[in-house]
Amino acid sequence: MLRDATHWDEVVGKLGYEHLRRHDLRHTGLTWKADASVPVHHLRKITGHGSLTTTQRYLHPDKQAVTDAGDLLTKHLRSPRRANLKAV
């Protein structure tokens, strides 16, 4: 019903995303919010998920975000303060 009322198939077809489902937009929206630094526990409340694990399954960081996180760790480990780092 909703699919027909919104002309979903027609819209995504014209955009070239025939396999896109409305639910995919939920994943995209949550990922964008996470990339904007919205805490995951807030995302859980927004989605109504019962657990953080479920919410985390919705998050799909891009390759650049993962690379950037690694670069931040490298920069931290190479900083002069590194001498004060202790393994726990």
PDB file of N, CA and C in Angstrom:
ATOM      1  N   MET A   1       0.810  -1.190   0.000  1.00  0.00           N
ATOM      2  CA  MET A   1       0.000   0.000   0.000  1.00  0.00           C
ATOM      3  C   MET A   1       0.860   1.263   0.000  1.00  0.00           C
ATOM      4  N   LEU A   2       1.737   1.360   1.021  1.00  0.00           N
ATOM      5  CA  LEU A   2       2.590   2.551   1.136  1.00  0.00           C
ATOM      6  C   LEU A   2       3.488   2.688  -0.084  1.00  0.00           C
ATOM      7  N   ARG A   3       3.986   1.564  -0.572  1.00  0.00           N
ATOM      8  CA  ARG A   3       4.851   1.578  -1.746  1.00  0.00           C
ATOM      9  C   ARG A   3       4.132   2.221  -2.936  1.00  0.00           C
ATOM     10  N   ASP A   4       2.864   1.868  -3.127  1.00  0.00           N
ATOM     11  CA  ASP A   4       2.086   2.443  -4.227  1.00  0.00           C
ATOM     12  C   ASP A   4       1.766   3.914  -3.965  1.00  0.00           C
ATOM     13  N   ALA A   5       1.430   4.235  -2.736  1.00  0.00           N
ATOM     14  CA  ALA A   5       1.044   5.611  -2.390  1.00  0.00           C
ATOM     15  C   ALA A   5       2.202   6.587  -2.560  1.00  0.00           C
ATOM     16  N   THR A   6       3.410   6.122  -2.353  1.00  0.00           N
ATOM     17  CA  THR A   6       4.581   7.011  -2.442  1.00  0.00           C
ATOM     18  C   THR A   6       5.252   6.952  -3.806  1.00  0.00           C
ATOM     19  N   HIS A   7       4.786   6.056  -4.690  1.00  0.00           N
ATOM     20  CA  HIS A   7       5.413   5.875  -6.005  1.00  0.00           C
ATOM     21  C   HIS A   7       6.889   5.499  -5.858  1.00  0.00           C
ATOM     22  N   TRP A   8       7.171   4.727  -4.807  1.00  0.00           N
ATOM     23  CA  TRP A   8       8.548   4.367  -4.474  1.00  0.00           C
ATOM     24  C   TRP A   8       9.286   3.746  -5.649  1.00  0.00           C
ATOM     25  N   ASP A   9       8.691   2.741  -6.275  1.00  0.00           N
ATOM     26  CA  ASP A   9       9.367   2.033  -7.365  1.00  0.00           C
ATOM     27  C   ASP A   9       9.702   2.980  -8.517  1.00  0.00           C
ATOM     28  N   GLU A  10       8.782   3.864  -8.841  1.00  0.00           N
ATOM     29  CA  GLU A  10       8.998   4.831  -9.919  1.00  0.00           C
ATOM     30  C   GLU A  10      10.138   5.795  -9.584  1.00  0.00           C
ATOM     31  N   VAL A  11      10.133   6.299  -8.352  1.00  0.00           N
ATOM     32  CA  VAL A  11      11.152   7.269  -7.929  1.00  0.00           C
ATOM     33  C   VAL A  11      12.541   6.642  -7.925  1.00  0.00           C
ATOM     34  N   VAL A  12      12.693   5.491  -7.277  1.00  0.00           N
ATOM     35  CA  VAL A  12      14.028   4.885  -7.208  1.00  0.00           C
ATOM     36  C   VAL A  12      14.478   4.394  -8.573  1.00  0.00           C
ATOM     37  N   GLY A  13      13.539   3.992  -9.430  1.00  0.00           N
ATOM     38  CA  GLY A  13      13.881   3.585 -10.790  1.00  0.00           C
ATOM     39  C   GLY A  13      14.465   4.743 -11.579  1.00  0.00           C
ATOM     40  N   LYS A  14      13.828   5.910 -11.485  1.00  0.00           N
ATOM     41  CA  LYS A  14      14.317   7.104 -12.193  1.00  0.00           C
ATOM     42  C   LYS A  14      15.698   7.524 -11.682  1.00  0.00           C
ATOM     43  N   LEU A  15      15.957   7.285 -10.396  1.00  0.00           N
ATOM     44  CA  LEU A  15      17.254   7.641  -9.813  1.00  0.00           C
ATOM     45  C   LEU A  15      18.331   6.602 -10.117  1.00  0.00           C
ATOM     46  N   GLY A  16      17.909   5.438 -10.612  1.00  0.00           N
ATOM     47  CA  GLY A  16      18.861   4.374 -10.903  1.00  0.00           C
ATOM     48  C   GLY A  16      19.180   3.491  -9.713  1.00  0.00           C
ATOM     49  N   TYR A  17      18.295   3.502  -8.718  1.00  0.00           N
ATOM     50  CA  TYR A  17      18.494   2.699  -7.503  1.00  0.00           C
ATOM     51  C   TYR A  17      17.355   1.693  -7.342  1.00  0.00           C
ATOM     52  N   GLU A  18      17.124   0.883  -8.364  1.00  0.00           N
ATOM     53  CA  GLU A  18      15.975  -0.030  -8.366  1.00  0.00           C
ATOM     54  C   GLU A  18      15.934  -0.972  -7.166  1.00  0.00           C
ATOM     55  N   HIS A  19      17.089  -1.315  -6.627  1.00  0.00           N
ATOM     56  CA  HIS A  19      17.142  -2.274  -5.511  1.00  0.00           C
ATOM     57  C   HIS A  19      17.108  -1.609  -4.141  1.00  0.00           C
ATOM     58  N   LEU A  20      16.996  -0.280  -4.104  1.00  0.00           N
ATOM     59  CA  LEU A  20      16.956   0.440  -2.835  1.00  0.00           C
ATOM     60  C   LEU A  20      15.632   0.197  -2.120  1.00  0.00           C
ATOM     61  N   ARG A  21      15.723  -0.133  -0.844  1.00  0.00           N
ATOM     62  CA  ARG A  21      14.517  -0.310  -0.023  1.00  0.00           C
ATOM     63  C   ARG A  21      14.420   0.868   0.944  1.00  0.00           C
ATOM     64  N   ARG A  22      13.207   1.187   1.346  1.00  0.00           N
ATOM     65  CA  ARG A  22      13.032   2.291   2.307  1.00  0.00           C
ATOM     66  C   ARG A  22      13.826   2.023   3.581  1.00  0.00           C
ATOM     67  N   HIS A  23      13.913   0.768   3.964  1.00  0.00           N
ATOM     68  CA  HIS A  23      14.648   0.416   5.181  1.00  0.00           C
ATOM     69  C   HIS A  23      16.137   0.755   5.050  1.00  0.00           C
ATOM     70  N   ASP A  24      16.666   0.716   3.829  1.00  0.00           N
ATOM     71  CA  ASP A  24      18.076   1.088   3.610  1.00  0.00           C
ATOM     72  C   ASP A  24      18.329   2.524   4.042  1.00  0.00           C
ATOM     73  N   LEU A  25      17.322   3.377   3.899  1.00  0.00           N
ATOM     74  CA  LEU A  25      17.469   4.780   4.284  1.00  0.00           C
ATOM     75  C   LEU A  25      17.629   4.912   5.794  1.00  0.00           C
ATOM     76  N   ARG A  26      17.071   3.973   6.537  1.00  0.00           N
ATOM     77  CA  ARG A  26      17.238   3.963   7.996  1.00  0.00           C
ATOM     78  C   ARG A  26      18.712   3.740   8.336  1.00  0.00           C
ATOM     79  N   HIS A  27      19.336   2.798   7.638  1.00  0.00           N
ATOM     80  CA  HIS A  27      20.765   2.540   7.840  1.00  0.00           C
ATOM     81  C   HIS A  27      21.579   3.789   7.489  1.00  0.00           C
ATOM     82  N   THR A  28      21.251   4.402   6.361  1.00  0.00           N
ATOM     83  CA  THR A  28      21.980   5.594   5.912  1.00  0.00           C
ATOM     84  C   THR A  28      21.831   6.731   6.912  1.00  0.00           C
ATOM     85  N   GLY A  29      20.611   6.990   7.341  1.00  0.00           N
ATOM     86  CA  GLY A  29      20.362   8.081   8.284  1.00  0.00           C
ATOM     87  C   GLY A  29      21.102   7.881   9.600  1.00  0.00           C
ATOM     88  N   LEU A  30      21.080   6.659  10.112  1.00  0.00           N
ATOM     89  CA  LEU A  30      21.784   6.391  11.373  1.00  0.00           C
ATOM     90  C   LEU A  30      23.291   6.517  11.202  1.00  0.00           C
ATOM     91  N   THR A  31      23.812   6.049  10.069  1.00  0.00           N
ATOM     92  CA  THR A  31      25.248   6.170   9.816  1.00  0.00           C
ATOM     93  C   THR A  31      25.647   7.632   9.747  1.00  0.00           C
ATOM     94  N   TRP A  32      24.847   8.446   9.061  1.00  0.00           N
ATOM     95  CA  TRP A  32      25.155   9.877   8.972  1.00  0.00           C
ATOM     96  C   TRP A  32      25.115  10.535  10.348  1.00  0.00           C
ATOM     97  N   LYS A  33      24.155  10.153  11.172  1.00  0.00           N
ATOM     98  CA  LYS A  33      24.079  10.714  12.528  1.00  0.00           C
ATOM     99  C   LYS A  33      25.312  10.300  13.333  1.00  0.00           C
ATOM    100  N   ALA A  34      25.720   9.050  13.214  1.00  0.00           N
ATOM    101  CA  ALA A  34      26.912   8.582  13.930  1.00  0.00           C
ATOM    102  C   ALA A  34      28.152   9.333  13.438  1.00  0.00           C
ATOM    103  N   ASP A  35      28.248   9.543  12.117  1.00  0.00           N
ATOM    104  CA  ASP A  35      29.373  10.295  11.566  1.00  0.00           C
ATOM    105  C   ASP A  35      29.377  11.740  12.059  1.00  0.00           C
ATOM    106  N   ALA A  36      28.200  12.244  12.435  1.00  0.00           N
ATOM    107  CA  ALA A  36      28.084  13.613  12.959  1.00  0.00           C
ATOM    108  C   ALA A  36      28.307  13.642  14.475  1.00  0.00           C
ATOM    109  N   SER A  37      28.769  12.516  15.022  1.00  0.00           N
ATOM    110  CA  SER A  37      29.110  12.383  16.444  1.00  0.00           C
ATOM    111  C   SER A  37      27.912  12.284  17.380  1.00  0.00           C
ATOM    112  N   VAL A  38      26.759  11.863  16.876  1.00  0.00           N
ATOM    113  CA  VAL A  38      25.637  11.574  17.771  1.00  0.00           C
ATOM    114  C   VAL A  38      25.995  10.286  18.506  1.00  0.00           C
ATOM    115  N   PRO A  39      25.991  10.293  19.836  1.00  0.00           N
ATOM    116  CA  PRO A  39      26.376   9.096  20.596  1.00  0.00           C
ATOM    117  C   PRO A  39      25.467   7.904  20.275  1.00  0.00           C
ATOM    118  N   VAL A  40      26.068   6.726  20.254  1.00  0.00           N
ATOM    119  CA  VAL A  40      25.329   5.518  19.877  1.00  0.00           C
ATOM    120  C   VAL A  40      24.154   5.246  20.822  1.00  0.00           C
ATOM    121  N   HIS A  41      24.283   5.620  22.105  1.00  0.00           N
ATOM    122  CA  HIS A  41      23.155   5.379  23.012  1.00  0.00           C
ATOM    123  C   HIS A  41      21.973   6.291  22.662  1.00  0.00           C
ATOM    124  N   HIS A  42      22.233   7.436  22.066  1.00  0.00           N
ATOM    125  CA  HIS A  42      21.140   8.295  21.588  1.00  0.00           C
ATOM    126  C   HIS A  42      20.517   7.683  20.338  1.00  0.00           C
ATOM    127  N   LEU A  43      21.364   7.138  19.461  1.00  0.00           N
ATOM    128  CA  LEU A  43      20.851   6.485  18.263  1.00  0.00           C
ATOM    129  C   LEU A  43      19.944   5.317  18.628  1.00  0.00           C
ATOM    130  N   ARG A  44      20.319   4.582  19.678  1.00  0.00           N
ATOM    131  CA  ARG A  44      19.488   3.461  20.121  1.00  0.00           C
ATOM    132  C   ARG A  44      18.103   3.956  20.501  1.00  0.00           C
ATOM    133  N   LYS A  45      18.039   5.068  21.222  1.00  0.00           N
ATOM    134  CA  LYS A  45      16.738   5.624  21.622  1.00  0.00           C
ATOM    135  C   LYS A  45      15.953   6.130  20.412  1.00  0.00           C
ATOM    136  N   ILE A  46      16.641   6.764  19.479  1.00  0.00           N
ATOM    137  CA  ILE A  46      15.985   7.275  18.272  1.00  0.00           C
ATOM    138  C   ILE A  46      15.322   6.132  17.502  1.00  0.00           C
ATOM    139  N   THR A  47      16.025   5.019  17.385  1.00  0.00           N
ATOM    140  CA  THR A  47      15.516   3.888  16.604  1.00  0.00           C
ATOM    141  C   THR A  47      14.519   3.037  17.368  1.00  0.00           C
ATOM    142  N   GLY A  48      14.599   3.103  18.694  1.00  0.00           N
ATOM    143  CA  GLY A  48      13.737   2.245  19.495  1.00  0.00           C
ATOM    144  C   GLY A  48      14.287   0.844  19.655  1.00  0.00           C
ATOM    145  N   HIS A  49      15.566   0.656  19.340  1.00  0.00           N
ATOM    146  CA  HIS A  49      16.176  -0.662  19.509  1.00  0.00           C
ATOM    147  C   HIS A  49      16.297  -1.002  20.993  1.00  0.00           C
ATOM    148  N   GLY A  50      16.220  -2.276  21.301  1.00  0.00           N
ATOM    149  CA  GLY A  50      16.349  -2.729  22.672  1.00  0.00           C
ATOM    150  C   GLY A  50      17.791  -2.830  23.138  1.00  0.00           C
ATOM    151  N   SER A  51      18.721  -2.925  22.191  1.00  0.00           N
ATOM    152  CA  SER A  51      20.126  -3.075  22.586  1.00  0.00           C
ATOM    153  C   SER A  51      21.033  -2.253  21.676  1.00  0.00           C
ATOM    154  N   LEU A  52      22.197  -1.904  22.215  1.00  0.00           N
ATOM    155  CA  LEU A  52      23.191  -1.184  21.424  1.00  0.00           C
ATOM    156  C   LEU A  52      23.730  -2.050  20.291  1.00  0.00           C
ATOM    157  N   THR A  53      23.776  -3.353  20.516  1.00  0.00           N
ATOM    158  CA  THR A  53      24.277  -4.268  19.491  1.00  0.00           C
ATOM    159  C   THR A  53      23.438  -4.163  18.226  1.00  0.00           C
ATOM    160  N   THR A  54      22.133  -4.111  18.384  1.00  0.00           N
ATOM    161  CA  THR A  54      21.253  -3.983  17.216  1.00  0.00           C
ATOM    162  C   THR A  54      21.516  -2.666  16.502  1.00  0.00           C
ATOM    163  N   THR A  55      21.622  -1.592  17.255  1.00  0.00           N
ATOM    164  CA  THR A  55      21.881  -0.277  16.655  1.00  0.00           C
ATOM    165  C   THR A  55      23.199  -0.291  15.901  1.00  0.00           C
ATOM    166  N   GLN A  56      24.224  -0.902  16.477  1.00  0.00           N
ATOM    167  CA  GLN A  56      25.533  -0.924  15.843  1.00  0.00           C
ATOM    168  C   GLN A  56      25.511  -1.661  14.509  1.00  0.00           C
ATOM    169  N   ARG A  57      24.601  -2.609  14.346  1.00  0.00           N
ATOM    170  CA  ARG A  57      24.484  -3.328  13.070  1.00  0.00           C
ATOM    171  C   ARG A  57      23.999  -2.410  11.950  1.00  0.00           C
ATOM    172  N   TYR A  58      23.381  -1.311  12.316  1.00  0.00           N
ATOM    173  CA  TYR A  58      22.871  -0.359  11.338  1.00  0.00           C
ATOM    174  C   TYR A  58      23.934   0.621  10.858  1.00  0.00           C
ATOM    175  N   LEU A  59      25.058   0.675  11.545  1.00  0.00           N
ATOM    176  CA  LEU A  59      26.076   1.678  11.238  1.00  0.00           C
ATOM    177  C   LEU A  59      27.100   1.118  10.252  1.00  0.00           C
ATOM    178  N   HIS A  60      27.348   1.886   9.198  1.00  0.00           N
ATOM    179  CA  HIS A  60      28.248   1.450   8.136  1.00  0.00           C
ATOM    180  C   HIS A  60      29.244   2.562   7.819  1.00  0.00           C
ATOM    181  N   PRO A  61      30.302   2.676   8.635  1.00  0.00           N
ATOM    182  CA  PRO A  61      31.275   3.741   8.369  1.00  0.00           C
ATOM    183  C   PRO A  61      31.951   3.505   7.021  1.00  0.00           C
ATOM    184  N   ASP A  62      32.249   4.589   6.326  1.00  0.00           N
ATOM    185  CA  ASP A  62      32.932   4.436   5.046  1.00  0.00           C
ATOM    186  C   ASP A  62      34.420   4.177   5.272  1.00  0.00           C
ATOM    187  N   LYS A  63      35.091   3.763   4.215  1.00  0.00           N
ATOM    188  CA  LYS A  63      36.515   3.409   4.325  1.00  0.00           C
ATOM    189  C   LYS A  63      37.348   4.584   4.814  1.00  0.00           C
ATOM    190  N   GLN A  64      37.001   5.792   4.397  1.00  0.00           N
ATOM    191  CA  GLN A  64      37.768   6.964   4.808  1.00  0.00           C
ATOM    192  C   GLN A  64      37.650   7.195   6.309  1.00  0.00           C
ATOM    193  N   ALA A  65      36.455   6.980   6.877  1.00  0.00           N
ATOM    194  CA  ALA A  65      36.272   7.155   8.318  1.00  0.00           C
ATOM    195  C   ALA A  65      37.133   6.167   9.098  1.00  0.00           C
ATOM    196  N   VAL A  66      37.222   4.944   8.608  1.00  0.00           N
ATOM    197  CA  VAL A  66      38.048   3.929   9.271  1.00  0.00           C
ATOM    198  C   VAL A  66      39.523   4.302   9.143  1.00  0.00           C
ATOM    199  N   THR A  67      39.933   4.757   7.963  1.00  0.00           N
ATOM    200  CA  THR A  67      41.319   5.190   7.749  1.00  0.00           C
ATOM    201  C   THR A  67      41.652   6.379   8.647  1.00  0.00           C
ATOM    202  N   ASP A  68      40.732   7.339   8.733  1.00  0.00           N
ATOM    203  CA  ASP A  68      40.956   8.512   9.579  1.00  0.00           C
ATOM    204  C   ASP A  68      41.135   8.111  11.044  1.00  0.00           C
ATOM    205  N   ALA A  69      40.347   7.138  11.506  1.00  0.00           N
ATOM    206  CA  ALA A  69      40.476   6.679  12.894  1.00  0.00           C
ATOM    207  C   ALA A  69      41.861   6.074  13.127  1.00  0.00           C
ATOM    208  N   GLY A  70      42.338   5.293  12.171  1.00  0.00           N
ATOM    209  CA  GLY A  70      43.682   4.725  12.278  1.00  0.00           C
ATOM    210  C   GLY A  70      44.758   5.803  12.274  1.00  0.00           C
ATOM    211  N   ASP A  71      44.560   6.821  11.441  1.00  0.00           N
ATOM    212  CA  ASP A  71      45.523   7.934  11.388  1.00  0.00           C
ATOM    213  C   ASP A  71      45.578   8.680  12.720  1.00  0.00           C
ATOM    214  N   LEU A  72      44.417   8.865  13.353  1.00  0.00           N
ATOM    215  CA  LEU A  72      44.391   9.535  14.659  1.00  0.00           C
ATOM    216  C   LEU A  72      45.156   8.731  15.705  1.00  0.00           C
ATOM    217  N   LEU A  73      44.972   7.413  15.677  1.00  0.00           N
ATOM    218  CA  LEU A  73      45.696   6.567  16.624  1.00  0.00           C
ATOM    219  C   LEU A  73      47.200   6.640  16.360  1.00  0.00           C
ATOM    220  N   THR A  74      47.603   6.581  15.109  1.00  0.00           N
ATOM    221  CA  THR A  74      49.020   6.680  14.763  1.00  0.00           C
ATOM    222  C   THR A  74      49.608   7.994  15.258  1.00  0.00           C
ATOM    223  N   LYS A  75      48.898   9.088  15.012  1.00  0.00           N
ATOM    224  CA  LYS A  75      49.366  10.407  15.462  1.00  0.00           C
ATOM    225  C   LYS A  75      49.508  10.433  16.984  1.00  0.00           C
ATOM    226  N   HIS A  76      48.536   9.852  17.677  1.00  0.00           N
ATOM    227  CA  HIS A  76      48.584   9.822  19.144  1.00  0.00           C
ATOM    228  C   HIS A  76      49.789   9.017  19.640  1.00  0.00           C
ATOM    229  N   LEU A  77      50.008   7.863  19.040  1.00  0.00           N
ATOM    230  CA  LEU A  77      51.107   6.999  19.480  1.00  0.00           C
ATOM    231  C   LEU A  77      52.477   7.594  19.168  1.00  0.00           C
ATOM    232  N   ARG A  78      52.537   8.449  18.171  1.00  0.00           N
ATOM    233  CA  ARG A  78      53.821   9.076  17.801  1.00  0.00           C
ATOM    234  C   ARG A  78      54.052  10.409  18.515  1.00  0.00           C
ATOM    235  N   SER A  79      53.096  10.823  19.310  1.00  0.00           N
ATOM    236  CA  SER A  79      53.236  12.111  19.992  1.00  0.00           C
ATOM    237  C   SER A  79      54.279  12.023  21.104  1.00  0.00           C
ATOM    238  N   PRO A  80      54.831  13.175  21.532  1.00  0.00           N
ATOM    239  CA  PRO A  80      55.822  13.186  22.618  1.00  0.00           C
ATOM    240  C   PRO A  80      55.264  12.588  23.912  1.00  0.00           C
ATOM    241  N   ARG A  81      53.961  12.627  24.073  1.00  0.00           N
ATOM    242  CA  ARG A  81      53.365  12.079  25.310  1.00  0.00           C
ATOM    243  C   ARG A  81      53.414  10.567  25.330  1.00  0.00           C
ATOM    244  N   ARG A  82      53.820   9.953  24.243  1.00  0.00           N
ATOM    245  CA  ARG A  82      53.821   8.490  24.153  1.00  0.00           C
ATOM    246  C   ARG A  82      54.604   7.845  25.280  1.00  0.00           C
ATOM    247  N   ALA A  83      55.620   8.504  25.765  1.00  0.00           N
ATOM    248  CA  ALA A  83      56.442   7.951  26.851  1.00  0.00           C
ATOM    249  C   ALA A  83      55.592   7.712  28.099  1.00  0.00           C
ATOM    250  N   ASN A  84      54.513   8.436  28.239  1.00  0.00           N
ATOM    251  CA  ASN A  84      53.641   8.280  29.403  1.00  0.00           C
ATOM    252  C   ASN A  84      52.553   7.224  29.221  1.00  0.00           C
ATOM    253  N   LEU A  85      52.462   6.651  28.028  1.00  0.00           N
ATOM    254  CA  LEU A  85      51.442   5.639  27.777  1.00  0.00           C
ATOM    255  C   LEU A  85      51.840   4.330  28.459  1.00  0.00           C
ATOM    256  N   LYS A  86      50.869   3.702  29.052  1.00  0.00           N
ATOM    257  CA  LYS A  86      51.115   2.433  29.722  1.00  0.00           C
ATOM    258  C   LYS A  86      50.130   1.396  29.206  1.00  0.00           C
ATOM    259  N   ALA A  87      50.615   0.193  29.008  1.00  0.00           N
ATOM    260  CA  ALA A  87      49.723  -0.899  28.612  1.00  0.00           C
ATOM    261  C   ALA A  87      48.919  -1.321  29.821  1.00  0.00           C
ATOM    262  N   VAL A  88      47.648  -1.574  29.602  1.00  0.00           N
ATOM    263  CA  VAL A  88      46.790  -2.028  30.706  1.00  0.00           C
ATOM    264  C   VAL A  88      46.197  -3.371  30.405  1.00  0.00           C
TER     265      VAL A  88
END
